[in-house]
C-alpha atoms as a PDB file:
ATOM      1  CA  ASN A   1       0.107   0.062   0.000  1.00  0.00           C
ATOM      2  CA  VAL A   2       1.281   3.550  -0.862  1.00  0.00           C
ATOM      3  CA  SER A   3       0.131   6.706   1.108  1.00  0.00           C
ATOM      4  CA  VAL A   4       0.491  10.186  -0.376  1.00  0.00           C
ATOM      5  CA  PHE A   5       0.408  13.288   1.707  1.00  0.00           C
ATOM      6  CA  ASN A   6      -1.011  16.280  -0.032  1.00  0.00           C
ATOM      7  CA  GLY A   7       1.152  18.978   1.497  1.00  0.00           C
ATOM      8  CA  PRO A   8      -0.045  22.747   1.639  1.00  0.00           C
ATOM      9  CA  ASN A   9       2.059  23.708  -1.358  1.00  0.00           C
ATOM     10  CA  SER A  10       0.809  20.770  -3.571  1.00  0.00           C
ATOM     11  CA  GLU A  11      -2.419  20.234  -5.370  1.00  0.00           C
ATOM     12  CA  ILE A  12      -3.065  16.571  -6.278  1.00  0.00           C
ATOM     13  CA  GLU A  13      -6.487  16.005  -7.957  1.00  0.00           C
ATOM     14  CA  ASP A  14      -8.119  12.509  -8.758  1.00  0.00           C
ATOM     15  CA  GLY A  15      -6.469  10.970 -11.650  1.00  0.00           C
ATOM     16  CA  ASP A  16      -3.320  12.843 -11.434  1.00  0.00           C
ATOM     17  CA  GLU A  17      -0.033  11.051 -12.253  1.00  0.00           C
ATOM     18  CA  ILE A  18       2.237  10.726  -9.320  1.00  0.00           C
ATOM     19  CA  LEU A  19       5.955  10.221 -10.025  1.00  0.00           C
ATOM     20  CA  LEU A  20       8.308   8.551  -7.631  1.00  0.00           C
ATOM     21  CA  ASN A  21      12.054   9.860  -7.703  1.00  0.00           C
ATOM     22  CA  TYR A  22      14.275   6.824  -7.260  1.00  0.00           C
ATOM     23  CA  GLY A  23      17.245   9.047  -6.171  1.00  0.00           C
ATOM     24  CA  ASN A  24      20.493  10.103  -7.830  1.00  0.00           C
ATOM     25  CA  PHE A  25      22.132   6.591  -8.276  1.00  0.00           C
ATOM     26  CA  PRO A  26      24.376   4.884 -10.897  1.00  0.00           C
ATOM     27  CA  ASN A  27      22.564   2.446 -13.360  1.00  0.00           C
ATOM     28  CA  GLU A  28      24.336  -0.497 -11.549  1.00  0.00           C
ATOM     29  CA  LYS A  29      22.173   0.233  -8.460  1.00  0.00           C
ATOM     30  CA  PHE A  30      18.977   1.057 -10.549  1.00  0.00           C
ATOM     31  CA  LEU A  31      19.404  -2.562 -12.392  1.00  0.00           C
ATOM     32  CA  MET A  32      20.187  -4.552  -9.315  1.00  0.00           C
ATOM     33  CA  ILE A  33      17.478  -3.143  -7.029  1.00  0.00           C
ATOM     34  CA  TYR A  34      14.748  -1.825  -9.381  1.00  0.00           C
ATOM     35  CA  GLY A  35      15.506  -3.790 -12.638  1.00  0.00           C
ATOM     36  CA  PHE A  36      15.834  -0.827 -15.017  1.00  0.00           C
ATOM     37  CA  THR A  37      18.513   1.471 -16.225  1.00  0.00           C
ATOM     38  CA  MET A  38      18.759   5.162 -17.591  1.00  0.00           C
ATOM     39  CA  PRO A  39      20.535   6.226 -20.685  1.00  0.00           C
ATOM     40  CA  GLN A  40      22.871   9.011 -20.191  1.00  0.00           C
ATOM     41  CA  ASN A  41      22.660   8.738 -16.384  1.00  0.00           C
ATOM     42  CA  PRO A  42      24.959  11.506 -15.108  1.00  0.00           C
ATOM     43  CA  HIS A  43      25.385   9.493 -11.770  1.00  0.00           C
ATOM     44  CA  ASP A  44      26.780   6.510 -13.581  1.00  0.00           C
ATOM     45  CA  ALA A  45      29.981   5.351 -11.845  1.00  0.00           C
ATOM     46  CA  VAL A  46      32.611   2.445 -12.128  1.00  0.00           C
ATOM     47  CA  GLN A  47      33.685   1.010  -8.791  1.00  0.00           C
ATOM     48  CA  ILE A  48      37.377   0.332  -8.325  1.00  0.00           C
ATOM     49  CA  TYR A  49      38.745  -1.793  -5.559  1.00  0.00           C
ATOM     50  CA  ALA A  50      42.402  -0.918  -4.634  1.00  0.00           C
ATOM     51  CA  PRO A  51      43.023  -1.648  -0.814  1.00  0.00           C
ATOM     52  CA  ILE A  52      46.394  -1.747   0.639  1.00  0.00           C
ATOM     53  CA  PRO A  53      47.179  -5.581   1.067  1.00  0.00           C
ATOM     54  CA  PRO A  54      47.402  -6.667   4.643  1.00  0.00           C
ATOM     55  CA  SER A  55      50.433  -8.562   3.902  1.00  0.00           C
ATOM     56  CA  ASP A  56      52.217  -5.124   3.200  1.00  0.00           C
ATOM     57  CA  PRO A  57      54.954  -4.770   6.118  1.00  0.00           C
ATOM     58  CA  LEU A  58      53.846  -1.128   6.399  1.00  0.00           C
ATOM     59  CA  TYR A  59      50.108  -1.841   6.180  1.00  0.00           C
ATOM     60  CA  THR A  60      49.176  -0.298   9.506  1.00  0.00           C
ATOM     61  CA  LEU A  61      51.250   2.930   8.685  1.00  0.00           C
ATOM     62  CA  LYS A  62      49.828   3.244   5.227  1.00  0.00           C
ATOM     63  CA  THR A  63      46.180   2.767   6.184  1.00  0.00           C
ATOM     64  CA  GLY A  64      46.717   5.201   9.052  1.00  0.00           C
ATOM     65  CA  ILE A  65      47.950   7.737   6.538  1.00  0.00           C
ATOM     66  CA  LEU A  66      44.992   7.128   4.311  1.00  0.00           C
ATOM     67  CA  GLN A  67      42.708   7.807   7.218  1.00  0.00           C
ATOM     68  CA  ASN A  68      44.422  10.889   8.789  1.00  0.00           C
ATOM     69  CA  HIS A  69      45.434  12.639   5.693  1.00  0.00           C
ATOM     70  CA  CYS A  70      43.110  11.372   2.721  1.00  0.00           C
ATOM     71  CA  GLY A  71      39.848  10.945   4.463  1.00  0.00           C
ATOM     72  CA  ILE A  72      39.647   7.268   3.846  1.00  0.00           C
ATOM     73  CA  ASP A  73      38.254   5.579   6.940  1.00  0.00           C
ATOM     74  CA  ASP A  74      37.626   2.126   5.372  1.00  0.00           C
ATOM     75  CA  PRO A  75      40.577   0.986   3.263  1.00  0.00           C
ATOM     76  CA  TYR A  76      38.483  -1.606   1.517  1.00  0.00           C
ATOM     77  CA  ALA A  77      35.905   0.957   0.332  1.00  0.00           C
ATOM     78  CA  PRO A  78      35.724   1.243  -3.523  1.00  0.00           C
ATOM     79  CA  HIS A  79      36.679   4.444  -5.504  1.00  0.00           C
ATOM     80  CA  ALA A  80      34.214   5.819  -7.886  1.00  0.00           C
ATOM     81  CA  LEU A  81      35.183   6.827 -11.241  1.00  0.00           C
ATOM     82  CA  MET A  82      32.699   9.256 -12.772  1.00  0.00           C
ATOM     83  CA  LEU A  83      32.329  11.304 -15.928  1.00  0.00           C
ATOM     84  CA  LYS A  84      33.219  15.084 -14.887  1.00  0.00           C
ATOM     85  CA  PRO A  85      33.281  18.393 -16.770  1.00  0.00           C
ATOM     86  CA  GLU A  86      36.255  18.783 -18.985  1.00  0.00           C
ATOM     87  CA  ASP A  87      38.238  20.836 -16.500  1.00  0.00           C
ATOM     88  CA  GLU A  88      37.940  18.255 -13.502  1.00  0.00           C
ATOM     89  CA  THR A  89      39.682  15.025 -12.961  1.00  0.00           C
ATOM     90  CA  ILE A  90      38.081  11.698 -13.492  1.00  0.00           C
ATOM     91  CA  LEU A  91      40.535   9.888 -11.433  1.00  0.00           C
ATOM     92  CA  PRO A  92      39.644  10.279  -7.627  1.00  0.00           C
ATOM     93  CA  GLN A  93      42.365  11.595  -5.349  1.00  0.00           C
ATOM     94  CA  SER A  94      41.592   8.936  -2.967  1.00  0.00           C
ATOM     95  CA  LEU A  95      42.507   6.321  -5.460  1.00  0.00           C
ATOM     96  CA  LEU A  96      45.741   8.080  -6.703  1.00  0.00           C
ATOM     97  CA  SER A  97      46.810   8.394  -3.090  1.00  0.00           C
ATOM     98  CA  THR A  98      46.236   4.675  -2.259  1.00  0.00           C
ATOM     99  CA  LEU A  99      48.186   3.748  -5.472  1.00  0.00           C
ATOM    100  CA  ARG A 100      51.069   6.191  -4.608  1.00  0.00           C
ATOM    101  CA  LEU A 101      51.240   4.711  -1.067  1.00  0.00           C
ATOM    102  CA  MET A 102      51.430   1.178  -2.389  1.00  0.00           C
ATOM    103  CA  GLY A 103      54.610   2.041  -4.327  1.00  0.00           C
ATOM    104  CA  LEU A 104      56.442   3.015  -1.199  1.00  0.00           C
ATOM    105  CA  GLN A 105      58.369   0.220   0.606  1.00  0.00           C
ATOM    106  CA  GLU A 106      60.439   2.239   3.123  1.00  0.00           C
ATOM    107  CA  MET A 107      59.113   3.608   6.347  1.00  0.00           C
ATOM    108  CA  ASP A 108      61.312   6.793   6.018  1.00  0.00           C
ATOM    109  CA  GLU A 109      59.503   7.545   2.795  1.00  0.00           C
ATOM    110  CA  LEU A 110      56.144   7.338   4.347  1.00  0.00           C
ATOM    111  CA  MET A 111      57.122   9.432   7.291  1.00  0.00           C
ATOM    112  CA  GLN A 112      58.524  12.163   5.101  1.00  0.00           C
ATOM    113  CA  LEU A 113      55.221  12.332   3.167  1.00  0.00           C
ATOM    114  CA  VAL A 114      53.223  13.361   6.528  1.00  0.00           C
ATOM    115  CA  ASP A 115      56.090  15.242   8.281  1.00  0.00           C
ATOM    116  CA  GLY A 116      54.832  18.556   9.599  1.00  0.00           C
ATOM    117  CA  LYS A 117      51.490  17.950   8.068  1.00  0.00           C
ATOM    118  CA  PRO A 118      48.342  18.330  10.315  1.00  0.00           C
ATOM    119  CA  GLU A 119      45.887  15.467  10.393  1.00  0.00           C
ATOM    120  CA  GLY A 120      42.491  15.699   9.157  1.00  0.00           C
ATOM    121  CA  LEU A 121      42.966  17.872   6.113  1.00  0.00           C
ATOM    122  CA  ASP A 122      41.752  15.261   3.690  1.00  0.00           C
ATOM    123  CA  GLU A 123      43.952  16.593   1.182  1.00  0.00           C
ATOM    124  CA  GLY A 124      45.444  13.433  -0.131  1.00  0.00           C
ATOM    125  CA  ILE A 125      48.921  12.463  -1.228  1.00  0.00           C
ATOM    126  CA  GLY A 126      50.230  14.177  -4.202  1.00  0.00           C
ATOM    127  CA  MET A 127      52.921  13.050  -6.550  1.00  0.00           C
ATOM    128  CA  ILE A 128      55.785  11.771  -4.809  1.00  0.00           C
ATOM    129  CA  SER A 129      58.397  11.071  -7.597  1.00  0.00           C
ATOM    130  CA  VAL A 130      58.161  10.461 -11.348  1.00  0.00           C
ATOM    131  CA  GLU A 131      59.035   6.964 -10.805  1.00  0.00           C
ATOM    132  CA  ASN A 132      56.465   6.222  -8.159  1.00  0.00           C
ATOM    133  CA  GLU A 133      53.821   8.209 -10.343  1.00  0.00           C
ATOM    134  CA  SER A 134      54.780   6.138 -13.453  1.00  0.00           C
ATOM    135  CA  ARG A 135      54.199   2.840 -11.612  1.00  0.00           C
ATOM    136  CA  ALA A 136      50.973   3.896 -10.071  1.00  0.00           C
ATOM    137  CA  LEU A 137      49.553   5.095 -13.317  1.00  0.00           C
ATOM    138  CA  MET A 138      50.704   1.811 -15.227  1.00  0.00           C
ATOM    139  CA  ALA A 139      49.181  -0.415 -12.756  1.00  0.00           C
ATOM    140  CA  LEU A 140      45.800   1.451 -12.973  1.00  0.00           C
ATOM    141  CA  ALA A 141      46.005   1.575 -16.703  1.00  0.00           C
ATOM    142  CA  ASN A 142      46.422  -2.304 -16.713  1.00  0.00           C
ATOM    143  CA  ALA A 143      43.676  -2.736 -14.479  1.00  0.00           C
ATOM    144  CA  LEU A 144      41.184  -0.423 -16.363  1.00  0.00           C
ATOM    145  CA  HIS A 145      42.117  -1.857 -19.694  1.00  0.00           C
ATOM    146  CA  SER A 146      41.375  -5.281 -18.370  1.00  0.00           C
ATOM    147  CA  MET A 147      37.822  -4.173 -17.210  1.00  0.00           C
ATOM    148  CA  ALA A 148      37.256  -2.489 -20.479  1.00  0.00           C
ATOM    149  CA  ARG A 149      38.067  -5.686 -22.459  1.00  0.00           C
ATOM    150  CA  ARG A 150      35.565  -7.487 -20.296  1.00  0.00           C
ATOM    151  CA  ILE A 151      32.915  -4.984 -20.955  1.00  0.00           C
ATOM    152  CA  ALA A 152      33.582  -5.038 -24.769  1.00  0.00           C
ATOM    153  CA  LEU A 153      33.293  -8.676 -24.900  1.00  0.00           C
ATOM    154  CA  ASN A 154      30.013  -8.563 -23.027  1.00  0.00           C
ATOM    155  CA  LEU A 155      28.716  -5.976 -25.457  1.00  0.00           C
ATOM    156  CA  ILE A 156      29.733  -8.206 -28.397  1.00  0.00           C
ATOM    157  CA  SER A 157      28.007 -11.223 -26.572  1.00  0.00           C
ATOM    158  CA  ASP A 158      24.900  -9.093 -26.068  1.00  0.00           C
ATOM    159  CA  GLN A 159      24.656  -8.238 -29.743  1.00  0.00           C
ATOM    160  CA  GLY A 160      24.816 -11.832 -30.720  1.00  0.00           C
ATOM    161  CA  LEU A 161      22.092 -12.536 -28.179  1.00  0.00           C
ATOM    162  CA  LYS A 162      19.838  -9.760 -29.385  1.00  0.00           C
ATOM    163  CA  ALA A 163      20.260 -11.043 -33.053  1.00  0.00           C
ATOM    164  CA  GLY A 164      19.052 -14.483 -32.069  1.00  0.00           C
ATOM    165  CA  SER A 165      16.213 -12.998 -30.095  1.00  0.00           C
ATOM    166  CA  SER A 166      15.009 -11.079 -32.965  1.00  0.00           C
ATOM    167  CA  VAL A 167      14.952 -14.320 -35.036  1.00  0.00           C
ATOM    168  CA  ASN A 168      13.013 -15.928 -32.281  1.00  0.00           C
ATOM    169  CA  ASP A 169      10.430 -12.914 -32.402  1.00  0.00           C
ATOM    170  CA  ASP A 170       9.782 -13.483 -36.056  1.00  0.00           C
ATOM    171  CA  PHE A 171       9.465 -17.406 -35.741  1.00  0.00           C
ATOM    172  CA  ASP A 172       5.883 -18.666 -36.002  1.00  0.00           C
ATOM    173  CA  TYR A 173       5.222 -20.859 -33.038  1.00  0.00           C
ATOM    174  CA  TYR A 174       1.675 -21.532 -33.981  1.00  0.00           C
ATOM    175  CA  ASP A 175       0.646 -24.735 -35.414  1.00  0.00           C
ATOM    176  CA  ASP A 176      -3.028 -24.612 -36.911  1.00  0.00           C
ATOM    177  CA  ASP A 177      -3.244 -28.397 -36.295  1.00  0.00           C
ATOM    178  CA  ASP A 178      -2.676 -27.985 -32.668  1.00  0.00           C
ATOM    179  CA  SER A 179      -4.483 -25.351 -30.608  1.00  0.00           C
ATOM    180  CA  ASP A 180      -2.384 -26.202 -27.557  1.00  0.00           C
ATOM    181  CA  THR A 181       0.586 -24.472 -29.079  1.00  0.00           C
ATOM    182  CA  VAL A 182      -1.141 -21.141 -28.639  1.00  0.00           C
ATOM    183  CA  ASP A 183      -0.124 -21.088 -25.021  1.00  0.00           C
ATOM    184  CA  THR A 184       3.349 -22.056 -25.925  1.00  0.00           C
ATOM    185  CA  GLU A 185       3.425 -19.111 -28.482  1.00  0.00           C
ATOM    186  CA  ASN A 186       2.445 -16.606 -25.801  1.00  0.00           C
ATOM    187  CA  GLU A 187       4.818 -17.904 -23.251  1.00  0.00           C
ATOM    188  CA  ASN A 188       7.712 -17.843 -25.849  1.00  0.00           C
ATOM    189  CA  LYS A 189       6.951 -14.100 -26.921  1.00  0.00           C
ATOM    190  CA  VAL A 190       6.782 -12.953 -23.237  1.00  0.00           C
ATOM    191  CA  SER A 191      10.064 -14.580 -22.568  1.00  0.00           C
ATOM    192  CA  ALA A 192      11.466 -13.017 -25.595  1.00  0.00           C
ATOM    193  CA  THR A 193      10.175  -9.638 -24.625  1.00  0.00           C
ATOM    194  CA  GLU A 194      11.597  -9.952 -21.153  1.00  0.00           C
ATOM    195  CA  SER A 195      15.047 -11.295 -22.624  1.00  0.00           C
ATOM    196  CA  ASN A 196      15.277  -8.304 -24.708  1.00  0.00           C
ATOM    197  CA  ILE A 197      14.586  -5.869 -21.848  1.00  0.00           C
ATOM    198  CA  ASN A 198      17.176  -7.511 -19.976  1.00  0.00           C
ATOM    199  CA  LEU A 199      19.661  -7.318 -22.881  1.00  0.00           C
ATOM    200  CA  GLN A 200      18.848  -3.745 -23.284  1.00  0.00           C
ATOM    201  CA  ASN A 201      19.493  -2.773 -19.656  1.00  0.00           C
ATOM    202  CA  CYS A 202      22.703  -4.717 -19.488  1.00  0.00           C
ATOM    203  CA  ASP A 203      23.760  -2.918 -22.818  1.00  0.00           C
ATOM    204  CA  THR A 204      23.167   0.530 -21.330  1.00  0.00           C
ATOM    205  CA  LEU A 205      24.903  -0.339 -18.276  1.00  0.00           C
ATOM    206  CA  CYS A 206      28.000  -1.646 -20.240  1.00  0.00           C
ATOM    207  CA  ARG A 207      28.033   1.190 -22.703  1.00  0.00           C
ATOM    208  CA  SER A 208      27.976   3.723 -19.808  1.00  0.00           C
ATOM    209  CA  GLU A 209      30.648   1.925 -17.674  1.00  0.00           C
ATOM    210  CA  PHE A 210      32.825   1.429 -21.012  1.00  0.00           C
ATOM    211  CA  GLY A 211      32.737   5.310 -21.745  1.00  0.00           C
ATOM    212  CA  ILE A 212      33.833   5.967 -18.366  1.00  0.00           C
ATOM    213  CA  LEU A 213      36.661   3.640 -18.482  1.00  0.00           C
ATOM    214  CA  GLN A 214      37.790   5.090 -21.856  1.00  0.00           C
ATOM    215  CA  ALA A 215      37.737   8.477 -20.387  1.00  0.00           C
ATOM    216  CA  ALA A 216      39.747   7.390 -17.450  1.00  0.00           C
ATOM    217  CA  LEU A 217      42.350   5.818 -19.619  1.00  0.00           C
ATOM    218  CA  GLU A 218      42.519   8.929 -21.727  1.00  0.00           C
ATOM    219  CA  GLU A 219      43.284  10.875 -18.535  1.00  0.00           C
ATOM    220  CA  ILE A 220      46.023   8.413 -17.489  1.00  0.00           C
ATOM    221  CA  GLN A 221      47.481   8.715 -21.083  1.00  0.00           C
ATOM    222  CA  GLU A 222      47.648  12.736 -20.443  1.00  0.00           C
ATOM    223  CA  ARG A 223      49.328  12.030 -17.012  1.00  0.00           C
ATOM    224  CA  GLN A 224      51.842   9.884 -18.556  1.00  0.00           C
ATOM    225  CA  GLU A 225      52.773  12.286 -21.452  1.00  0.00           C
ATOM    226  CA  ASP A 226      53.180  14.785 -18.735  1.00  0.00           C
ATOM    227  CA  LEU A 227      55.544  12.494 -16.713  1.00  0.00           C
ATOM    228  CA  GLN A 228      57.467  11.939 -20.011  1.00  0.00           C
ATOM    229  CA  VAL A 229      57.985  15.612 -20.182  1.00  0.00           C
ATOM    230  CA  LEU A 230      59.496  15.695 -16.663  1.00  0.00           C
ATOM    231  CA  ILE A 231      61.664  12.734 -17.614  1.00  0.00           C
ATOM    232  CA  ASP A 232      62.927  14.459 -20.756  1.00  0.00           C
ATOM    233  CA  GLU A 233      63.907  17.407 -18.589  1.00  0.00           C
ATOM    234  CA  GLY A 234      65.697  15.071 -16.127  1.00  0.00           C
ATOM    235  CA  ILE A 235      63.265  15.444 -13.247  1.00  0.00           C
ATOM    236  CA  ASN A 236      62.991  12.469 -11.161  1.00  0.00           C
END
């Protein structure tokens, strides 16, 4: 049962259409919870998991730096890649800070990062060195390339399933000599329709995530080109 409260500033008449705001969520959540997707969803995101491995000898110190200087209370929480305006970075500072810390193996290097810096500023960890930044970007690029390839394969597979589904839609299941096949025809058409809707939702989700990954990879390439300039100038 649904109750609608007609507030003092709203006028709802009998027969009016009432709309529900599902909230500002990515298509992944819409699909998993509500069973639909929105094309061109501005809140779409790709979740990236990049926790400091507990086997790292400096795990406690690194996670402490993430908490006290990067605002990352949960080291296992995902980082969200989202499309942004052209003048804003797609790669979140939290993700870059984590990857930069992963590349450090000496306690002295870690202590130098936070020496003299007050806690709780959440400003993140900037570029440490050209070598460290290069390794972090390469690791991230490899991971995003792998994700993009899997999504591309899903899109190719979905196209094949759509082609097969369209053939089934055109196939005549009805047999004039057997009226019992009418129910089978209806069931098959309903099943084909539901299958097409599911494929369309998956297609929308995959295309959106693929676009985000492409944009993130382009940003990584730009950052790598900037690093190459520093290398050419002899800056380490």
